[in-house]
Amino acid sequence: WDSSIASAFAAVGAFPLTAGSKDAALVVELDASASGRGYSVQVTGANNTAGVVLVEVYDLGNPSGASKLTNVSVLSKADTGLSTLVLGFVLKGEGQRTLLVRGIGPKLAAFGVGGLLTDPKLQIYDSDQRTVITNNDWNGADFVSELVTAAGYVGAFALDNNSTDSASLALLQPGGYTVQVSGNDGGTGNAIAEIYEVP
């Protein structure tokens, strides 16, 4: 990373990086479109090294305010302990926000992903590590019809009826949260943790 972008860290409240460290970071301006445009970030270890890594995405905004970050997801192996699949996010501003949060395993087979987490459990924690939402099997969630409507509205792919994928609508106050996706039966495998802002 280049120390010239350190001011961007402070602007969004990100913790600073140690000068000369091998952490990777960049500031990039991305094009949007009226219907939204998706991008992917891939992180690999230099020289084929492996280990636990934190991937962060911050929205620095733009002068016109015409576009904003509306969805973040991470695809990784959901394991146990320190290797649990975790996606953190921060809500700023005033008033509650509605989010669609999902932990997807079985549905990924439709996209050619193998080694899946067969029974994902979704948990959302607040900054005090209190559980605010738990879901196992999306069709058992509260307000299922509203959840389906929200998924269609934000452009999230549909989940199969009676699948063991997990999802929930979350009405949350400003603050920091983490989403954890793990095997309901203690299993491990590839999964996606997703967060969508529902207007």
N, C-alpha and C. Protein backbone atom coordinates (compact mmCIF):
# COMPACT_ATOMS: atom_id res chain seq x y z
N TRP A 1 0.84 -1.18 0.00
CA TRP A 1 0.00 0.00 0.00
C TRP A 1 0.88 1.24 0.00
N ASP A 2 0.29 2.31 -0.51
CA ASP A 2 1.02 3.57 -0.67
C ASP A 2 0.55 4.54 0.41
N SER A 3 1.50 5.10 1.15
CA SER A 3 1.16 5.99 2.27
C SER A 3 0.41 7.24 1.82
N SER A 4 0.41 7.55 0.52
CA SER A 4 -0.29 8.74 0.03
C SER A 4 -1.80 8.63 0.19
N ILE A 5 -2.32 7.40 0.40
CA ILE A 5 -3.77 7.23 0.55
C ILE A 5 -4.19 7.13 2.02
N ALA A 6 -3.26 7.36 2.93
CA ALA A 6 -3.57 7.25 4.35
C ALA A 6 -4.71 8.18 4.78
N SER A 7 -4.81 9.34 4.14
CA SER A 7 -5.87 10.29 4.52
C SER A 7 -7.26 9.71 4.24
N ALA A 8 -7.36 8.82 3.25
CA ALA A 8 -8.65 8.19 2.95
C ALA A 8 -9.08 7.28 4.08
N PHE A 9 -8.11 6.62 4.73
CA PHE A 9 -8.44 5.74 5.86
C PHE A 9 -9.11 6.56 6.97
N ALA A 10 -8.49 7.70 7.28
CA ALA A 10 -9.03 8.56 8.34
C ALA A 10 -10.40 9.09 7.97
N ALA A 11 -10.63 9.39 6.69
CA ALA A 11 -11.89 9.97 6.25
C ALA A 11 -13.07 9.03 6.49
N VAL A 12 -12.83 7.72 6.41
CA VAL A 12 -13.93 6.76 6.57
C VAL A 12 -13.89 6.04 7.91
N GLY A 13 -12.90 6.38 8.74
CA GLY A 13 -12.82 5.75 10.06
C GLY A 13 -12.12 4.40 10.06
N ALA A 14 -11.37 4.10 8.99
CA ALA A 14 -10.62 2.84 8.95
C ALA A 14 -9.37 2.95 9.81
N PHE A 15 -8.97 1.85 10.43
CA PHE A 15 -7.76 1.89 11.24
C PHE A 15 -6.55 2.10 10.33
N PRO A 16 -5.51 2.79 10.83
CA PRO A 16 -4.33 3.05 9.99
C PRO A 16 -3.50 1.78 9.80
N LEU A 17 -2.73 1.74 8.72
CA LEU A 17 -1.81 0.64 8.47
C LEU A 17 -0.39 1.07 8.84
N THR A 18 0.41 0.12 9.26
CA THR A 18 1.78 0.42 9.65
C THR A 18 2.61 0.76 8.42
N ALA A 19 3.35 1.85 8.50
CA ALA A 19 4.19 2.27 7.38
C ALA A 19 5.14 1.15 6.99
N GLY A 20 5.20 0.86 5.70
CA GLY A 20 6.09 -0.18 5.20
C GLY A 20 5.55 -1.60 5.32
N SER A 21 4.33 -1.75 5.85
CA SER A 21 3.77 -3.10 5.97
C SER A 21 3.41 -3.65 4.60
N LYS A 22 3.20 -4.95 4.54
CA LYS A 22 2.86 -5.60 3.27
C LYS A 22 1.35 -5.71 3.06
N ASP A 23 0.58 -4.98 3.87
CA ASP A 23 -0.87 -4.94 3.65
C ASP A 23 -1.14 -4.29 2.28
N ALA A 24 -2.25 -4.67 1.66
CA ALA A 24 -2.61 -4.12 0.35
C ALA A 24 -3.81 -3.20 0.51
N ALA A 25 -3.78 -2.06 -0.18
CA ALA A 25 -4.91 -1.12 -0.14
C ALA A 25 -4.84 -0.22 -1.37
N LEU A 26 -6.00 0.23 -1.80
CA LEU A 26 -6.05 1.19 -2.90
C LEU A 26 -7.32 2.01 -2.81
N VAL A 27 -7.28 3.18 -3.42
CA VAL A 27 -8.46 4.03 -3.58
C VAL A 27 -8.76 4.06 -5.07
N VAL A 28 -9.97 3.70 -5.44
CA VAL A 28 -10.32 3.61 -6.86
C VAL A 28 -11.70 4.19 -7.09
N GLU A 29 -11.86 4.90 -8.19
CA GLU A 29 -13.17 5.43 -8.57
C GLU A 29 -13.79 4.48 -9.59
N LEU A 30 -14.97 3.97 -9.29
CA LEU A 30 -15.63 2.98 -10.13
C LEU A 30 -16.88 3.55 -10.78
N ASP A 31 -17.11 3.18 -12.01
CA ASP A 31 -18.31 3.62 -12.72
C ASP A 31 -19.53 2.88 -12.20
N ALA A 32 -20.63 3.57 -12.15
CA ALA A 32 -21.92 2.97 -11.81
C ALA A 32 -22.83 3.09 -13.02
N SER A 33 -24.01 2.51 -12.91
CA SER A 33 -25.02 2.67 -13.95
C SER A 33 -26.36 2.82 -13.27
N ALA A 34 -27.38 3.16 -14.04
CA ALA A 34 -28.71 3.37 -13.45
C ALA A 34 -29.21 2.13 -12.73
N SER A 35 -28.88 0.96 -13.25
CA SER A 35 -29.35 -0.29 -12.64
C SER A 35 -28.31 -0.92 -11.72
N GLY A 36 -27.16 -0.26 -11.56
CA GLY A 36 -26.11 -0.80 -10.71
C GLY A 36 -25.08 -1.57 -11.52
N ARG A 37 -23.88 -1.63 -11.01
CA ARG A 37 -22.82 -2.38 -11.67
C ARG A 37 -22.02 -3.10 -10.60
N GLY A 38 -21.72 -4.36 -10.85
CA GLY A 38 -21.02 -5.17 -9.86
C GLY A 38 -19.52 -5.26 -10.12
N TYR A 39 -18.77 -5.38 -9.05
CA TYR A 39 -17.32 -5.53 -9.12
C TYR A 39 -16.90 -6.62 -8.14
N SER A 40 -15.76 -7.22 -8.40
CA SER A 40 -15.22 -8.24 -7.51
C SER A 40 -13.83 -7.85 -7.05
N VAL A 41 -13.51 -8.16 -5.82
CA VAL A 41 -12.18 -7.98 -5.25
C VAL A 41 -11.65 -9.37 -4.92
N GLN A 42 -10.46 -9.68 -5.38
CA GLN A 42 -9.83 -10.96 -5.06
C GLN A 42 -8.55 -10.71 -4.28
N VAL A 43 -8.36 -11.44 -3.19
CA VAL A 43 -7.16 -11.32 -2.37
C VAL A 43 -6.48 -12.68 -2.33
N THR A 44 -5.21 -12.70 -2.70
CA THR A 44 -4.42 -13.93 -2.64
C THR A 44 -3.11 -13.63 -1.93
N GLY A 45 -2.46 -14.66 -1.44
CA GLY A 45 -1.18 -14.49 -0.77
C GLY A 45 -0.05 -14.42 -1.78
N ALA A 46 0.85 -13.47 -1.57
CA ALA A 46 2.03 -13.38 -2.44
C ALA A 46 2.84 -14.67 -2.30
N ASN A 47 3.40 -15.13 -3.41
CA ASN A 47 4.22 -16.35 -3.42
C ASN A 47 3.47 -17.57 -2.90
N ASN A 48 2.15 -17.60 -3.20
CA ASN A 48 1.30 -18.74 -2.85
C ASN A 48 1.19 -18.98 -1.35
N THR A 49 1.36 -17.93 -0.54
CA THR A 49 1.15 -18.07 0.90
C THR A 49 -0.34 -18.06 1.20
N ALA A 50 -0.69 -18.54 2.39
CA ALA A 50 -2.10 -18.61 2.77
C ALA A 50 -2.26 -18.19 4.23
N GLY A 51 -3.48 -17.78 4.59
CA GLY A 51 -3.75 -17.38 5.96
C GLY A 51 -5.04 -16.60 6.05
N VAL A 52 -5.36 -16.16 7.24
CA VAL A 52 -6.57 -15.38 7.48
C VAL A 52 -6.33 -13.96 7.00
N VAL A 53 -7.31 -13.38 6.31
CA VAL A 53 -7.17 -12.02 5.77
C VAL A 53 -8.46 -11.24 5.99
N LEU A 54 -8.34 -9.96 6.18
CA LEU A 54 -9.49 -9.06 6.31
C LEU A 54 -9.60 -8.25 5.03
N VAL A 55 -10.74 -8.32 4.37
CA VAL A 55 -11.00 -7.52 3.17
C VAL A 55 -12.00 -6.44 3.55
N GLU A 56 -11.68 -5.19 3.25
CA GLU A 56 -12.55 -4.06 3.61
C GLU A 56 -12.93 -3.28 2.37
N VAL A 57 -14.17 -2.81 2.34
CA VAL A 57 -14.65 -1.92 1.28
C VAL A 57 -15.33 -0.73 1.95
N TYR A 58 -14.87 0.46 1.63
CA TYR A 58 -15.46 1.68 2.17
C TYR A 58 -15.95 2.55 1.02
N ASP A 59 -17.08 3.18 1.21
CA ASP A 59 -17.62 4.10 0.22
C ASP A 59 -17.20 5.51 0.60
N LEU A 60 -16.31 6.09 -0.20
CA LEU A 60 -15.86 7.46 0.05
C LEU A 60 -16.83 8.50 -0.49
N GLY A 61 -17.87 8.02 -1.21
CA GLY A 61 -18.85 8.94 -1.79
C GLY A 61 -18.30 9.59 -3.05
N ASN A 62 -19.12 10.46 -3.63
CA ASN A 62 -18.67 11.25 -4.78
C ASN A 62 -19.30 12.63 -4.69
N PRO A 63 -18.76 13.59 -5.42
CA PRO A 63 -19.24 14.98 -5.29
C PRO A 63 -20.72 15.15 -5.55
N SER A 64 -21.27 14.40 -6.52
CA SER A 64 -22.68 14.59 -6.86
C SER A 64 -23.62 13.81 -5.96
N GLY A 65 -23.10 12.77 -5.30
CA GLY A 65 -23.96 11.93 -4.48
C GLY A 65 -24.90 11.07 -5.29
N ALA A 66 -24.63 10.94 -6.59
CA ALA A 66 -25.54 10.23 -7.49
C ALA A 66 -25.40 8.72 -7.40
N SER A 67 -24.33 8.22 -6.81
CA SER A 67 -24.18 6.77 -6.68
C SER A 67 -23.69 6.45 -5.28
N LYS A 68 -23.94 5.23 -4.84
CA LYS A 68 -23.48 4.79 -3.52
C LYS A 68 -23.39 3.27 -3.51
N LEU A 69 -22.66 2.78 -2.53
CA LEU A 69 -22.51 1.34 -2.34
C LEU A 69 -23.81 0.77 -1.78
N THR A 70 -24.36 -0.25 -2.44
CA THR A 70 -25.66 -0.78 -2.01
C THR A 70 -25.62 -2.25 -1.66
N ASN A 71 -24.53 -2.96 -1.99
CA ASN A 71 -24.47 -4.40 -1.75
C ASN A 71 -23.02 -4.82 -1.59
N VAL A 72 -22.75 -5.65 -0.61
CA VAL A 72 -21.43 -6.25 -0.44
C VAL A 72 -21.62 -7.72 -0.14
N SER A 73 -20.78 -8.55 -0.73
CA SER A 73 -20.83 -9.98 -0.44
C SER A 73 -19.43 -10.55 -0.44
N VAL A 74 -19.26 -11.67 0.23
CA VAL A 74 -17.97 -12.34 0.24
C VAL A 74 -18.19 -13.84 0.07
N LEU A 75 -17.41 -14.43 -0.84
CA LEU A 75 -17.43 -15.87 -1.08
C LEU A 75 -16.16 -16.45 -0.50
N SER A 76 -16.31 -17.41 0.39
CA SER A 76 -15.15 -18.02 1.02
C SER A 76 -15.57 -19.34 1.64
N LYS A 77 -14.60 -20.08 2.13
CA LYS A 77 -14.93 -21.30 2.87
C LYS A 77 -15.40 -20.92 4.26
N ALA A 78 -16.56 -21.40 4.63
CA ALA A 78 -17.07 -21.20 5.98
C ALA A 78 -16.61 -22.38 6.82
N ASP A 79 -15.73 -22.08 7.77
CA ASP A 79 -15.17 -23.13 8.61
C ASP A 79 -15.62 -22.89 10.05
N THR A 80 -14.84 -23.29 10.99
CA THR A 80 -15.20 -23.13 12.40
C THR A 80 -14.16 -22.28 13.11
N GLY A 81 -14.50 -21.82 14.31
CA GLY A 81 -13.56 -21.04 15.11
C GLY A 81 -13.14 -19.76 14.43
N LEU A 82 -11.82 -19.51 14.39
CA LEU A 82 -11.30 -18.28 13.78
C LEU A 82 -11.49 -18.27 12.27
N SER A 83 -11.85 -19.40 11.68
CA SER A 83 -12.05 -19.48 10.23
C SER A 83 -13.53 -19.42 9.84
N THR A 84 -14.39 -19.01 10.78
CA THR A 84 -15.80 -18.78 10.46
C THR A 84 -15.89 -17.67 9.42
N LEU A 85 -16.82 -17.79 8.49
CA LEU A 85 -17.02 -16.76 7.48
C LEU A 85 -17.67 -15.54 8.14
N VAL A 86 -16.98 -14.40 8.11
CA VAL A 86 -17.45 -13.19 8.79
C VAL A 86 -17.45 -12.03 7.80
N LEU A 87 -18.53 -11.27 7.82
CA LEU A 87 -18.65 -10.05 7.03
C LEU A 87 -19.10 -8.94 7.96
N GLY A 88 -18.27 -7.91 8.11
CA GLY A 88 -18.61 -6.80 8.99
C GLY A 88 -19.12 -5.61 8.21
N PHE A 89 -19.93 -4.79 8.85
CA PHE A 89 -20.41 -3.57 8.20
C PHE A 89 -20.76 -2.53 9.25
N VAL A 90 -20.76 -1.27 8.81
CA VAL A 90 -21.08 -0.15 9.69
C VAL A 90 -22.17 0.68 9.03
N LEU A 91 -23.19 1.02 9.80
CA LEU A 91 -24.25 1.92 9.35
C LEU A 91 -24.03 3.28 9.98
N LYS A 92 -24.02 4.34 9.15
CA LYS A 92 -23.86 5.69 9.66
C LYS A 92 -25.10 6.51 9.34
N GLY A 93 -25.25 7.61 10.03
CA GLY A 93 -26.40 8.48 9.80
C GLY A 93 -27.39 8.40 10.94
N GLU A 94 -28.64 8.69 10.64
CA GLU A 94 -29.69 8.68 11.66
C GLU A 94 -30.84 7.80 11.22
N GLY A 95 -31.50 7.20 12.18
CA GLY A 95 -32.66 6.37 11.89
C GLY A 95 -32.28 4.95 11.50
N GLN A 96 -33.27 4.08 11.53
CA GLN A 96 -33.06 2.68 11.22
C GLN A 96 -32.91 2.46 9.71
N ARG A 97 -32.18 1.40 9.36
CA ARG A 97 -32.00 1.01 7.97
C ARG A 97 -32.48 -0.43 7.82
N THR A 98 -33.11 -0.72 6.67
CA THR A 98 -33.53 -2.08 6.38
C THR A 98 -32.50 -2.73 5.46
N LEU A 99 -32.02 -3.89 5.86
CA LEU A 99 -31.05 -4.64 5.08
C LEU A 99 -31.57 -6.04 4.82
N LEU A 100 -31.22 -6.56 3.67
CA LEU A 100 -31.43 -7.98 3.36
C LEU A 100 -30.08 -8.64 3.58
N VAL A 101 -30.02 -9.61 4.48
CA VAL A 101 -28.78 -10.29 4.82
C VAL A 101 -28.96 -11.77 4.56
N ARG A 102 -28.00 -12.38 3.84
CA ARG A 102 -28.16 -13.78 3.47
C ARG A 102 -26.86 -14.57 3.67
N GLY A 103 -27.01 -15.83 4.00
CA GLY A 103 -25.91 -16.79 4.07
C GLY A 103 -26.25 -17.92 3.11
N ILE A 104 -25.57 -17.98 1.97
CA ILE A 104 -25.95 -18.88 0.89
C ILE A 104 -24.94 -20.01 0.76
N GLY A 105 -25.44 -21.22 0.72
CA GLY A 105 -24.61 -22.40 0.48
C GLY A 105 -25.16 -23.23 -0.66
N PRO A 106 -26.25 -23.98 -0.44
CA PRO A 106 -26.77 -24.89 -1.47
C PRO A 106 -27.07 -24.23 -2.81
N LYS A 107 -27.57 -23.01 -2.82
CA LYS A 107 -27.94 -22.34 -4.07
C LYS A 107 -26.72 -22.09 -4.96
N LEU A 108 -25.53 -22.07 -4.39
CA LEU A 108 -24.33 -21.82 -5.18
C LEU A 108 -24.05 -22.92 -6.20
N ALA A 109 -24.64 -24.09 -5.99
CA ALA A 109 -24.47 -25.17 -6.96
C ALA A 109 -24.97 -24.75 -8.34
N ALA A 110 -26.00 -23.89 -8.38
CA ALA A 110 -26.56 -23.42 -9.65
C ALA A 110 -25.57 -22.54 -10.40
N PHE A 111 -24.54 -22.05 -9.70
CA PHE A 111 -23.53 -21.18 -10.33
C PHE A 111 -22.20 -21.92 -10.52
N GLY A 112 -22.23 -23.24 -10.37
CA GLY A 112 -21.04 -24.04 -10.61
C GLY A 112 -20.04 -24.07 -9.48
N VAL A 113 -20.43 -23.64 -8.28
CA VAL A 113 -19.52 -23.67 -7.13
C VAL A 113 -19.63 -25.03 -6.46
N GLY A 114 -18.53 -25.64 -6.16
CA GLY A 114 -18.52 -26.94 -5.50
C GLY A 114 -18.09 -26.83 -4.04
N GLY A 115 -18.06 -27.97 -3.36
CA GLY A 115 -17.61 -28.01 -1.97
C GLY A 115 -18.44 -27.13 -1.06
N LEU A 116 -19.75 -27.20 -1.19
CA LEU A 116 -20.64 -26.22 -0.55
C LEU A 116 -20.92 -26.50 0.92
N LEU A 117 -21.20 -25.44 1.64
CA LEU A 117 -21.75 -25.53 2.99
C LEU A 117 -23.21 -25.91 2.84
N THR A 118 -23.58 -27.11 3.27
CA THR A 118 -24.90 -27.64 2.96
C THR A 118 -26.02 -27.08 3.83
N ASP A 119 -25.70 -26.60 5.02
CA ASP A 119 -26.75 -26.10 5.92
C ASP A 119 -26.25 -24.85 6.64
N PRO A 120 -26.18 -23.71 5.93
CA PRO A 120 -25.64 -22.49 6.56
C PRO A 120 -26.57 -21.88 7.60
N LYS A 121 -25.96 -21.41 8.67
CA LYS A 121 -26.68 -20.67 9.71
C LYS A 121 -26.16 -19.24 9.69
N LEU A 122 -27.08 -18.28 9.71
CA LEU A 122 -26.76 -16.86 9.65
C LEU A 122 -26.97 -16.24 11.02
N GLN A 123 -25.97 -15.48 11.48
CA GLN A 123 -26.09 -14.75 12.74
C GLN A 123 -25.55 -13.34 12.56
N ILE A 124 -26.28 -12.36 13.08
CA ILE A 124 -25.84 -10.96 13.06
C ILE A 124 -25.59 -10.52 14.50
N TYR A 125 -24.40 -9.95 14.72
CA TYR A 125 -24.02 -9.48 16.04
C TYR A 125 -23.82 -7.97 16.00
N ASP A 126 -24.17 -7.29 17.11
CA ASP A 126 -23.89 -5.87 17.19
C ASP A 126 -22.48 -5.66 17.74
N SER A 127 -22.08 -4.41 17.94
CA SER A 127 -20.71 -4.11 18.36
C SER A 127 -20.42 -4.58 19.78
N ASP A 128 -21.45 -4.92 20.55
CA ASP A 128 -21.26 -5.47 21.89
C ASP A 128 -21.29 -7.00 21.88
N GLN A 129 -21.21 -7.58 20.67
CA GLN A 129 -21.23 -9.04 20.48
C GLN A 129 -22.53 -9.68 20.96
N ARG A 130 -23.60 -8.92 20.91
CA ARG A 130 -24.93 -9.47 21.21
C ARG A 130 -25.57 -9.92 19.91
N THR A 131 -26.18 -11.09 19.93
CA THR A 131 -26.86 -11.59 18.75
C THR A 131 -28.15 -10.81 18.55
N VAL A 132 -28.31 -10.19 17.37
CA VAL A 132 -29.52 -9.43 17.09
C VAL A 132 -30.45 -10.17 16.13
N ILE A 133 -29.90 -11.05 15.31
CA ILE A 133 -30.72 -11.85 14.39
C ILE A 133 -30.03 -13.19 14.16
N THR A 134 -30.82 -14.25 14.14
CA THR A 134 -30.34 -15.58 13.78
C THR A 134 -31.33 -16.19 12.80
N ASN A 135 -30.82 -16.86 11.78
CA ASN A 135 -31.71 -17.57 10.85
C ASN A 135 -31.03 -18.84 10.37
N ASN A 136 -31.82 -19.90 10.34
CA ASN A 136 -31.41 -21.15 9.73
C ASN A 136 -32.59 -21.58 8.87
N ASP A 137 -32.38 -21.69 7.58
CA ASP A 137 -33.42 -21.99 6.59
C ASP A 137 -34.29 -20.75 6.36
N TRP A 138 -34.06 -20.10 5.25
CA TRP A 138 -34.65 -18.80 4.96
C TRP A 138 -36.17 -18.82 4.96
N ASN A 139 -36.79 -19.94 4.53
CA ASN A 139 -38.25 -19.95 4.46
C ASN A 139 -38.90 -20.07 5.83
N GLY A 140 -38.09 -20.16 6.88
CA GLY A 140 -38.61 -20.12 8.24
C GLY A 140 -38.42 -18.76 8.89
N ALA A 141 -37.93 -17.79 8.11
CA ALA A 141 -37.70 -16.45 8.64
C ALA A 141 -39.01 -15.71 8.86
N ASP A 142 -38.96 -14.69 9.72
CA ASP A 142 -40.12 -13.81 9.88
C ASP A 142 -40.30 -13.01 8.58
N PHE A 143 -41.54 -12.72 8.23
CA PHE A 143 -41.85 -11.87 7.08
C PHE A 143 -41.27 -12.43 5.77
N VAL A 144 -41.52 -13.71 5.50
CA VAL A 144 -40.95 -14.36 4.32
C VAL A 144 -41.40 -13.67 3.04
N SER A 145 -42.68 -13.31 2.93
CA SER A 145 -43.15 -12.69 1.69
C SER A 145 -42.45 -11.35 1.46
N GLU A 146 -42.22 -10.58 2.53
CA GLU A 146 -41.50 -9.31 2.40
C GLU A 146 -40.05 -9.55 2.03
N LEU A 147 -39.47 -10.64 2.55
CA LEU A 147 -38.10 -10.99 2.23
C LEU A 147 -37.95 -11.31 0.74
N VAL A 148 -38.89 -12.08 0.20
CA VAL A 148 -38.87 -12.42 -1.23
C VAL A 148 -39.03 -11.17 -2.08
N THR A 149 -39.94 -10.30 -1.68
CA THR A 149 -40.15 -9.05 -2.42
C THR A 149 -38.89 -8.19 -2.40
N ALA A 150 -38.26 -8.08 -1.23
CA ALA A 150 -37.04 -7.27 -1.10
C ALA A 150 -35.92 -7.84 -1.97
N ALA A 151 -35.77 -9.16 -2.00
CA ALA A 151 -34.73 -9.79 -2.80
C ALA A 151 -34.91 -9.46 -4.28
N GLY A 152 -36.14 -9.51 -4.76
CA GLY A 152 -36.41 -9.16 -6.14
C GLY A 152 -36.14 -7.70 -6.41
N TYR A 153 -36.47 -6.84 -5.45
CA TYR A 153 -36.31 -5.41 -5.63
C TYR A 153 -34.85 -5.00 -5.74
N VAL A 154 -33.98 -5.64 -4.92
CA VAL A 154 -32.56 -5.25 -4.93
C VAL A 154 -31.75 -6.05 -5.95
N GLY A 155 -32.40 -6.98 -6.65
CA GLY A 155 -31.72 -7.75 -7.69
C GLY A 155 -30.96 -8.96 -7.19
N ALA A 156 -31.29 -9.45 -5.99
CA ALA A 156 -30.64 -10.65 -5.47
C ALA A 156 -31.24 -11.88 -6.14
N PHE A 157 -30.43 -12.88 -6.45
CA PHE A 157 -30.96 -14.08 -7.08
C PHE A 157 -31.92 -14.79 -6.12
N ALA A 158 -32.93 -15.43 -6.71
CA ALA A 158 -33.96 -16.09 -5.91
C ALA A 158 -33.42 -17.36 -5.27
N LEU A 159 -33.94 -17.69 -4.10
CA LEU A 159 -33.58 -18.92 -3.41
C LEU A 159 -34.65 -19.98 -3.67
N ASP A 160 -34.24 -21.22 -3.71
CA ASP A 160 -35.18 -22.31 -3.96
C ASP A 160 -36.07 -22.53 -2.75
N ASN A 161 -37.34 -22.86 -3.02
CA ASN A 161 -38.26 -23.19 -1.93
C ASN A 161 -37.71 -24.37 -1.13
N ASN A 162 -37.83 -24.26 0.19
CA ASN A 162 -37.42 -25.31 1.11
C ASN A 162 -35.92 -25.61 1.09
N SER A 163 -35.11 -24.69 0.54
CA SER A 163 -33.66 -24.88 0.60
C SER A 163 -33.18 -24.56 2.01
N THR A 164 -31.97 -24.99 2.32
CA THR A 164 -31.40 -24.71 3.64
C THR A 164 -30.54 -23.45 3.65
N ASP A 165 -30.58 -22.66 2.56
CA ASP A 165 -29.91 -21.36 2.57
C ASP A 165 -30.57 -20.49 3.65
N SER A 166 -29.85 -19.52 4.16
CA SER A 166 -30.39 -18.67 5.22
C SER A 166 -30.49 -17.22 4.76
N ALA A 167 -31.49 -16.51 5.28
CA ALA A 167 -31.69 -15.11 4.92
C ALA A 167 -32.63 -14.47 5.92
N SER A 168 -32.51 -13.15 6.05
CA SER A 168 -33.40 -12.41 6.93
C SER A 168 -33.41 -10.94 6.54
N LEU A 169 -34.54 -10.29 6.79
CA LEU A 169 -34.59 -8.83 6.73
C LEU A 169 -34.19 -8.30 8.09
N ALA A 170 -33.34 -7.29 8.11
CA ALA A 170 -32.86 -6.74 9.37
C ALA A 170 -33.13 -5.24 9.40
N LEU A 171 -33.82 -4.79 10.43
CA LEU A 171 -34.06 -3.37 10.66
C LEU A 171 -33.11 -2.94 11.77
N LEU A 172 -32.06 -2.19 11.42
CA LEU A 172 -30.97 -1.93 12.35
C LEU A 172 -30.71 -0.45 12.55
N GLN A 173 -30.30 -0.12 13.76
CA GLN A 173 -29.88 1.24 14.10
C GLN A 173 -28.45 1.47 13.60
N PRO A 174 -28.03 2.74 13.45
CA PRO A 174 -26.63 3.01 13.10
C PRO A 174 -25.69 2.34 14.10
N GLY A 175 -24.56 1.85 13.59
CA GLY A 175 -23.58 1.18 14.44
C GLY A 175 -22.83 0.12 13.66
N GLY A 176 -21.95 -0.58 14.35
CA GLY A 176 -21.16 -1.62 13.73
C GLY A 176 -21.76 -3.00 13.98
N TYR A 177 -21.71 -3.86 12.97
CA TYR A 177 -22.28 -5.20 13.05
C TYR A 177 -21.37 -6.20 12.34
N THR A 178 -21.49 -7.46 12.71
CA THR A 178 -20.83 -8.53 11.97
C THR A 178 -21.86 -9.59 11.61
N VAL A 179 -21.71 -10.13 10.41
CA VAL A 179 -22.51 -11.25 9.95
C VAL A 179 -21.62 -12.47 9.99
N GLN A 180 -22.08 -13.54 10.61
CA GLN A 180 -21.32 -14.78 10.65
C GLN A 180 -22.13 -15.88 9.99
N VAL A 181 -21.47 -16.63 9.10
CA VAL A 181 -22.09 -17.77 8.43
C VAL A 181 -21.30 -19.00 8.81
N SER A 182 -21.99 -19.97 9.38
CA SER A 182 -21.34 -21.21 9.81
C SER A 182 -22.27 -22.37 9.54
N GLY A 183 -21.77 -23.57 9.69
CA GLY A 183 -22.59 -24.76 9.47
C GLY A 183 -23.52 -25.01 10.64
N ASN A 184 -24.83 -25.05 10.38
CA ASN A 184 -25.79 -25.32 11.44
C ASN A 184 -25.54 -26.68 12.08
N ASP A 185 -25.02 -27.60 11.27
CA ASP A 185 -24.74 -28.95 11.76
C ASP A 185 -23.25 -29.14 12.07
N GLY A 186 -22.51 -28.03 12.15
CA GLY A 186 -21.07 -28.11 12.39
C GLY A 186 -20.26 -28.36 11.13
N GLY A 187 -20.94 -28.43 9.99
CA GLY A 187 -20.24 -28.69 8.74
C GLY A 187 -19.47 -27.48 8.24
N THR A 188 -18.65 -27.69 7.23
CA THR A 188 -17.88 -26.63 6.61
C THR A 188 -18.04 -26.69 5.10
N GLY A 189 -17.72 -25.61 4.41
CA GLY A 189 -17.81 -25.59 2.96
C GLY A 189 -17.90 -24.18 2.44
N ASN A 190 -17.93 -24.04 1.13
CA ASN A 190 -18.00 -22.73 0.49
C ASN A 190 -19.38 -22.10 0.66
N ALA A 191 -19.38 -20.82 0.94
CA ALA A 191 -20.64 -20.09 1.15
C ALA A 191 -20.43 -18.62 0.81
N ILE A 192 -21.55 -17.93 0.65
CA ILE A 192 -21.52 -16.48 0.45
C ILE A 192 -22.27 -15.81 1.61
N ALA A 193 -21.67 -14.76 2.14
CA ALA A 193 -22.37 -13.86 3.05
C ALA A 193 -22.68 -12.60 2.26
N GLU A 194 -23.94 -12.16 2.28
CA GLU A 194 -24.39 -11.02 1.47
C GLU A 194 -25.13 -10.01 2.33
N ILE A 195 -24.95 -8.75 1.99
CA ILE A 195 -25.72 -7.66 2.60
C ILE A 195 -26.21 -6.75 1.49
N TYR A 196 -27.49 -6.49 1.45
CA TYR A 196 -28.09 -5.55 0.50
C TYR A 196 -28.80 -4.44 1.26
N GLU A 197 -28.66 -3.22 0.82
CA GLU A 197 -29.49 -2.14 1.36
C GLU A 197 -30.83 -2.17 0.67
N VAL A 198 -31.90 -2.19 1.46
CA VAL A 198 -33.26 -2.19 0.89
C VAL A 198 -33.80 -0.77 1.02
N PRO A 199 -34.02 -0.08 -0.10
CA PRO A 199 -34.50 1.31 -0.04
C PRO A 199 -35.86 1.43 0.63
